[in-house]
Protein backbone atom coordinates (compact mmCIF):
# COMPACT_ATOMS: atom_id res chain seq x y z
CA MET A 1 200.60 -75.71 72.46
CA MET A 2 200.29 -72.17 71.31
CA ARG A 3 197.05 -72.62 70.02
CA ARG A 4 196.36 -74.68 73.10
CA ARG A 5 196.83 -71.89 75.82
CA THR A 6 195.12 -69.31 73.85
CA PHE A 7 192.16 -71.43 73.85
CA ILE A 8 192.40 -72.16 77.73
CA ALA A 9 193.18 -68.48 77.79
CA GLY A 10 189.87 -68.00 76.09
CA ALA A 11 187.89 -69.80 77.75
CA ALA A 12 189.12 -68.77 81.27
CA GLY A 13 188.07 -65.40 80.34
CA ALA A 14 184.61 -66.24 79.45
CA LEU A 15 183.99 -67.49 83.03
CA VAL A 16 184.84 -64.05 83.89
CA PRO A 17 181.27 -62.33 85.08
CA LEU A 18 180.04 -59.80 83.53
CA PRO A 19 179.15 -56.86 85.57
CA SER A 20 175.40 -57.20 86.67
CA LEU A 21 172.80 -55.06 84.57
CA ALA A 22 171.34 -52.51 87.88
CA GLN A 23 167.29 -53.44 88.34
CA PRO A 24 165.32 -50.38 88.80
CA SER A 25 164.01 -49.95 92.16
CA PRO A 26 160.34 -50.67 92.50
CA HIS A 27 157.90 -47.77 92.35
CA ARG A 28 156.70 -46.74 96.02
CA ILE A 29 153.50 -45.81 96.50
CA ALA A 30 151.64 -44.56 99.89
CA TRP A 31 148.20 -45.11 100.61
CA LEU A 32 146.71 -42.45 103.13
CA SER A 33 142.83 -43.41 104.28
CA PRO A 34 141.54 -41.80 107.34
CA THR A 35 139.70 -45.17 108.27
CA LYS A 36 140.91 -48.08 110.26
CA ALA A 37 142.96 -50.94 108.31
CA ALA A 38 139.48 -53.09 109.34
CA ASP A 39 137.74 -50.99 107.11
CA GLY A 40 139.67 -50.07 104.34
CA SER A 41 141.64 -52.97 103.57
CA VAL A 42 139.34 -54.15 101.56
CA PHE A 43 139.82 -51.36 99.01
CA LEU A 44 143.35 -51.20 99.22
CA ASP A 45 142.95 -54.59 98.04
CA GLU A 46 141.26 -53.64 95.17
CA LEU A 47 143.73 -51.08 94.14
CA ARG A 48 147.05 -53.26 94.47
CA ALA A 49 144.58 -55.95 92.06
CA GLY A 50 144.05 -53.57 90.05
CA LEU A 51 147.91 -52.37 89.84
CA ARG A 52 148.64 -56.05 89.37
CA ASP A 53 146.55 -56.52 86.43
CA LEU A 54 148.78 -53.07 84.99
CA GLY A 55 152.15 -55.31 85.43
CA HIS A 56 152.89 -53.55 88.69
CA VAL A 57 153.66 -56.45 91.09
CA GLU A 58 154.77 -56.20 94.98
CA PRO A 59 157.78 -56.51 95.95
CA ARG A 60 158.96 -57.12 92.28
CA ASN A 61 158.07 -53.11 90.64
CA LEU A 62 156.00 -51.61 93.76
CA LEU A 63 156.00 -51.67 97.02
CA ILE A 64 152.60 -49.60 98.92
CA GLU A 65 153.33 -48.16 102.10
CA PRO A 66 149.42 -48.09 103.80
CA HIS A 67 148.41 -44.84 106.11
CA TRP A 68 145.56 -44.95 108.46
CA GLY A 69 143.77 -42.13 109.91
CA GLU A 70 142.21 -44.46 112.48
CA GLU A 71 138.82 -42.67 111.88
CA SER A 72 140.44 -39.33 113.40
CA ALA A 73 140.73 -35.84 111.07
CA GLU A 74 143.83 -34.83 113.23
CA THR A 75 145.36 -38.52 113.14
CA THR A 76 144.89 -38.56 109.14
CA ALA A 77 146.39 -35.16 109.18
CA ALA A 78 149.14 -35.52 111.07
CA LEU A 79 150.32 -38.39 108.84
CA VAL A 80 150.98 -36.33 106.24
CA PRO A 81 153.86 -34.81 106.85
CA SER A 82 156.13 -37.69 107.14
CA ILE A 83 154.66 -39.58 103.88
CA ILE A 84 155.64 -36.10 101.96
CA ARG A 85 159.19 -36.68 103.74
CA SER A 86 159.36 -39.93 102.30
CA ASN A 87 158.98 -38.82 99.15
CA PRO A 88 156.85 -41.52 97.48
CA ARG A 89 156.54 -41.93 93.85
CA VAL A 90 152.73 -41.28 94.04
CA ILE A 91 150.27 -40.87 97.11
CA VAL A 92 146.77 -42.11 96.65
CA THR A 93 144.21 -40.67 99.07
CA GLN A 94 140.52 -41.85 100.30
CA GLY A 95 137.89 -39.62 101.44
CA ALA A 96 138.89 -36.51 103.36
CA ALA A 97 142.37 -37.51 103.21
CA ALA A 98 142.49 -35.86 99.86
CA VAL A 99 141.85 -32.29 101.47
CA ALA A 100 144.41 -32.82 104.09
CA MET A 101 147.23 -33.70 101.38
CA ARG A 102 145.80 -30.63 99.32
CA ARG A 103 146.53 -28.51 102.60
CA ALA A 104 150.00 -29.97 102.54
CA ALA A 105 150.71 -28.39 99.40
CA THR A 106 152.82 -30.73 98.42
CA GLY A 107 154.03 -31.29 94.47
CA ILE A 108 153.91 -35.23 94.68
CA PRO A 109 150.90 -36.58 92.47
CA VAL A 110 147.92 -37.36 94.24
CA VAL A 111 145.53 -39.97 93.18
CA PHE A 112 142.01 -39.52 95.28
CA GLY A 113 138.75 -41.36 95.58
CA TYR A 114 136.28 -38.54 96.81
CA SER A 115 132.90 -38.45 98.14
CA GLY A 116 132.91 -34.98 97.60
CA ASP A 117 132.86 -32.38 94.77
CA PRO A 118 136.48 -31.69 94.28
CA ILE A 119 136.12 -28.82 92.99
CA GLU A 120 134.29 -27.13 95.91
CA ALA A 121 137.35 -28.64 97.80
CA GLY A 122 140.09 -26.94 96.05
CA LEU A 123 141.38 -30.40 94.77
CA VAL A 124 141.13 -29.36 90.98
CA GLN A 125 140.23 -26.65 88.90
CA SER A 126 138.10 -28.31 86.63
CA LEU A 127 136.95 -31.92 86.15
CA PRO A 128 138.01 -31.98 82.35
CA ARG A 129 141.72 -30.25 83.51
CA PRO A 130 142.50 -30.81 86.96
CA GLY A 131 145.05 -28.50 86.14
CA GLY A 132 147.20 -29.55 89.23
CA ASN A 133 148.91 -32.28 91.19
CA MET A 134 145.86 -34.08 92.03
CA THR A 135 143.45 -36.22 90.07
CA GLY A 136 140.84 -39.28 90.16
CA ILE A 137 137.72 -40.08 90.82
CA SER A 138 134.34 -38.45 92.67
CA TYR A 139 131.99 -40.47 93.97
CA MET A 140 129.44 -37.49 94.16
CA THR A 141 126.93 -37.78 91.49
CA LEU A 142 124.05 -35.78 91.94
CA GLU A 143 121.62 -37.68 90.25
CA LEU A 144 121.38 -40.83 92.75
CA VAL A 145 120.35 -38.31 95.73
CA GLY A 146 116.94 -38.47 93.92
CA LYS A 147 117.40 -42.14 93.34
CA ARG A 148 117.38 -42.73 96.80
CA LEU A 149 114.72 -41.19 97.66
CA GLU A 150 112.59 -42.96 94.56
CA LEU A 151 113.86 -45.91 96.03
CA LEU A 152 112.43 -45.68 99.42
CA LYS A 153 109.39 -44.22 97.98
CA GLU A 154 109.01 -47.76 96.14
CA VAL A 155 109.72 -49.08 99.39
CA LEU A 156 107.10 -47.08 101.69
CA PRO A 157 104.70 -46.09 98.70
CA ASP A 158 102.23 -43.97 101.64
CA ALA A 159 105.63 -42.23 102.49
CA ARG A 160 104.82 -38.29 103.18
CA ARG A 161 107.59 -37.24 105.61
CA ILE A 162 112.01 -38.00 105.39
CA ALA A 163 113.99 -36.91 107.45
CA ILE A 164 117.75 -35.69 105.74
CA VAL A 165 120.80 -35.89 107.75
CA THR A 166 122.78 -33.52 105.95
CA SER A 167 127.29 -32.94 106.31
CA PRO A 168 127.62 -28.78 106.36
CA LEU A 169 131.74 -29.51 106.64
CA HIS A 170 131.73 -31.27 103.73
CA PRO A 171 131.97 -29.61 100.26
CA GLY A 172 129.45 -30.38 98.06
CA ASP A 173 126.62 -29.95 100.80
CA PRO A 174 124.54 -27.43 99.76
CA SER A 175 124.55 -29.36 96.21
CA GLU A 176 123.29 -32.46 97.59
CA ARG A 177 120.56 -30.61 99.29
CA ARG A 178 119.38 -28.77 96.65
CA ALA A 179 119.16 -31.73 94.48
CA SER A 180 117.40 -33.80 97.35
CA GLU A 181 115.07 -30.54 97.89
CA ALA A 182 114.08 -30.49 93.87
CA ALA A 183 113.41 -34.73 94.25
CA GLY A 184 111.57 -34.77 97.22
CA LYS A 185 109.15 -31.58 95.79
CA ALA A 186 109.00 -34.15 92.12
CA LEU A 187 107.70 -37.24 94.39
CA GLY A 188 105.39 -35.37 96.54
CA LEU A 189 107.82 -35.53 100.01
CA THR A 190 108.18 -33.55 102.69
CA LEU A 191 111.82 -33.04 103.85
CA ASP A 192 113.20 -32.13 107.34
CA PHE A 193 116.66 -31.53 107.36
CA TYR A 194 119.25 -31.84 110.48
CA GLU A 195 122.74 -31.17 110.07
CA GLN A 196 125.55 -33.42 111.67
CA ARG A 197 129.27 -31.65 111.67
CA ASN A 198 130.73 -34.67 114.57
CA ARG A 199 129.08 -37.03 116.71
CA ALA A 200 127.36 -35.36 119.32
CA ASP A 201 125.64 -33.37 116.33
CA LEU A 202 124.84 -36.78 114.98
CA THR A 203 123.33 -38.00 118.36
CA ALA A 204 121.17 -35.10 118.75
CA ALA A 205 119.77 -35.60 115.41
CA LEU A 206 118.52 -38.82 115.59
CA SER A 207 117.26 -38.06 119.00
CA ALA A 208 115.32 -35.43 117.31
CA ILE A 209 114.20 -37.19 114.13
CA ALA A 210 112.75 -40.25 116.54
CA GLN A 211 110.72 -37.54 118.09
CA SER A 212 109.09 -36.00 114.96
CA ARG A 213 106.65 -38.37 112.87
CA VAL A 214 108.84 -38.98 109.59
CA ASP A 215 108.71 -42.13 107.51
CA ALA A 216 112.56 -42.58 106.96
CA VAL A 217 115.55 -41.21 107.17
CA MET A 218 118.30 -40.63 104.56
CA MET A 219 122.00 -39.63 105.33
CA PHE A 220 124.21 -38.24 102.86
CA PRO A 221 126.83 -40.39 101.98
CA VAL A 222 129.72 -38.94 103.95
CA GLN A 223 133.05 -40.52 106.27
CA SER A 224 131.86 -39.25 109.61
CA ILE A 225 128.12 -41.29 108.73
CA ILE A 226 129.77 -44.25 107.61
CA ILE A 227 131.85 -44.60 110.85
CA ALA A 228 128.76 -44.21 113.06
CA ARG A 229 126.70 -46.67 110.58
CA ARG A 230 126.40 -49.26 113.90
CA LEU A 231 125.19 -46.31 116.38
CA ILE A 232 122.09 -45.89 113.24
CA ALA A 233 121.16 -49.17 112.62
CA ASP A 234 120.70 -49.28 116.46
CA TRP A 235 118.71 -46.21 116.25
CA SER A 236 116.63 -47.53 113.30
CA ILE A 237 116.08 -50.69 114.51
CA GLU A 238 114.71 -49.68 118.24
CA HIS A 239 112.75 -46.43 116.81
CA ARG A 240 111.59 -48.69 113.81
CA ILE A 241 112.81 -45.98 110.94
CA PRO A 242 114.01 -47.22 107.98
CA ALA A 243 117.83 -45.58 107.64
CA MET A 244 119.44 -44.75 104.05
CA SER A 245 122.65 -43.64 102.92
CA GLY A 246 124.99 -44.22 99.46
CA TRP A 247 127.67 -46.74 100.14
CA ALA A 248 127.28 -50.46 100.74
CA GLN A 249 129.07 -50.39 103.93
CA PHE A 250 126.36 -48.56 105.65
CA ALA A 251 123.93 -51.48 104.09
CA GLU A 252 126.14 -53.91 105.31
CA GLY A 253 127.13 -52.52 108.57
CA GLY A 254 123.42 -53.10 109.78
CA ASN A 255 120.88 -50.72 108.05
CA PHE A 256 118.00 -50.87 105.95
CA MET A 257 119.45 -50.15 102.27
CA SER A 258 122.19 -48.39 100.71
CA TYR A 259 122.31 -46.82 96.83
CA GLY A 260 125.42 -45.13 95.32
CA PRO A 261 128.84 -46.07 93.88
CA ASN A 262 130.54 -49.21 94.18
CA LEU A 263 133.74 -48.02 96.11
CA ARG A 264 135.71 -51.71 95.30
CA ASP A 265 135.68 -50.93 91.73
CA ALA A 266 136.35 -47.42 92.14
CA SER A 267 139.11 -48.49 94.22
CA ARG A 268 139.94 -50.67 91.32
CA ARG A 269 139.55 -47.90 88.69
CA LEU A 270 142.12 -45.44 90.26
CA ALA A 271 144.75 -47.87 89.57
CA ALA A 272 145.00 -46.67 85.98
CA PHE A 273 145.37 -43.29 87.14
CA VAL A 274 148.93 -44.60 88.92
CA ASP A 275 150.03 -46.27 86.06
CA ARG A 276 149.72 -43.59 83.69
CA ILE A 277 151.38 -41.28 85.81
CA LEU A 278 154.01 -43.65 86.41
CA LYS A 279 154.68 -44.03 82.54
CA GLY A 280 155.19 -40.39 83.03
CA ALA A 281 151.24 -38.89 82.61
CA LYS A 282 150.91 -35.68 84.51
CA PRO A 283 147.42 -35.56 87.20
CA ALA A 284 147.06 -32.00 85.77
CA ASP A 285 145.91 -33.70 82.41
CA LEU A 286 144.26 -36.67 83.75
CA PRO A 287 140.36 -35.64 83.95
CA VAL A 288 138.59 -36.78 87.00
CA GLU A 289 136.12 -39.22 86.42
CA LEU A 290 132.68 -40.26 87.55
CA PRO A 291 131.45 -43.51 89.06
CA ALA A 292 131.42 -46.51 86.55
CA LYS A 293 129.32 -48.74 88.69
CA VAL A 294 126.45 -48.20 91.61
CA GLU A 295 125.14 -50.57 93.36
CA LEU A 296 121.66 -51.12 95.29
CA VAL A 297 122.56 -52.86 98.72
CA ILE A 298 119.15 -54.12 100.51
CA ASN A 299 119.75 -55.32 104.19
CA LEU A 300 116.79 -57.65 104.70
CA GLN A 301 117.55 -58.63 108.40
CA ALA A 302 117.16 -55.04 109.39
CA ALA A 303 114.04 -54.87 107.06
CA LYS A 304 112.34 -57.78 109.03
CA ALA A 305 113.83 -55.85 112.05
CA ILE A 306 111.97 -52.62 111.50
CA GLY A 307 108.81 -54.49 110.09
CA VAL A 308 109.66 -53.10 106.19
CA THR A 309 108.29 -55.25 103.35
CA VAL A 310 110.55 -54.90 100.70
CA PRO A 311 108.68 -55.07 97.39
CA PRO A 312 109.55 -58.54 95.29
CA ALA A 313 110.50 -56.65 92.24
CA LEU A 314 112.73 -54.34 94.17
CA VAL A 315 114.72 -57.49 96.39
CA ASN A 316 115.14 -58.81 92.51
CA ARG A 317 116.96 -55.31 91.70
CA ALA A 318 119.42 -55.74 94.43
CA ASP A 319 123.02 -56.21 93.61
CA GLU A 320 123.34 -57.42 97.25
CA LEU A 321 120.74 -58.98 100.16
CA ILE A 322 122.08 -59.23 103.18
CA GLU A 323 119.99 -62.30 104.68
């Protein structure tokens, strides 16, 4: 009997639940974009996919909290204090949102996808050694400025005069202008420069360009131009002046052509920075990268409406054709 009671007691003891091991809380990541969700969600989805490939899966061990600036610099900046107060593990920014976050001088790690020169913008000390709490990918590659002019010349071999719409408030604008001047000279092109700081400037620039005798217009790839892409497309077709810029959204929004970084690929690559920071790396030690992939997008619908014939060789080289 003693043995039986001992066995029963032992068996009963085995049924007592053991203290459960505490599950670590999911990493919280804040996403800040100056765009509307309808335009920026595709890039957030790429970030999510990249993180998923690295083992960070919502909601198991990761939570991403998106914030949208609704195409307003003021709205984007106003979101920054509440994001900082929520104290996420990492903040991922798109475009000019990185500058708004820098001004807040937060110590939270920030990973950016930025269209300008991050050194001129004060985001980092240098590309190899960022030196602060920010790192990521710079979409600005000056070699692409000349390549865009070469592509326009390939489509319009008789072109002599090109309008260039610049963005003086954008870090890196002087460098892009110098690169344009050098490339234009090498191609025998006369370049007319028009500045745009806001929508009123852009409207005035388009009106002046329409009255000039230019063969095409190239617009520096900045957020304000992408936001106005449909306005520009309507103007381009009305005046039969082909327009080119650097992001696929520009051509996808109804304009003739774009050539520049593949932003979807870059957004996915930002996940590697987030992953390394979550594993203990410091942004100061993670070199800023440049685009790994570029893409040529040609809108054949726009070309037809403008009256431009795209050479078959260029059509064959395009990464995306809009027909």
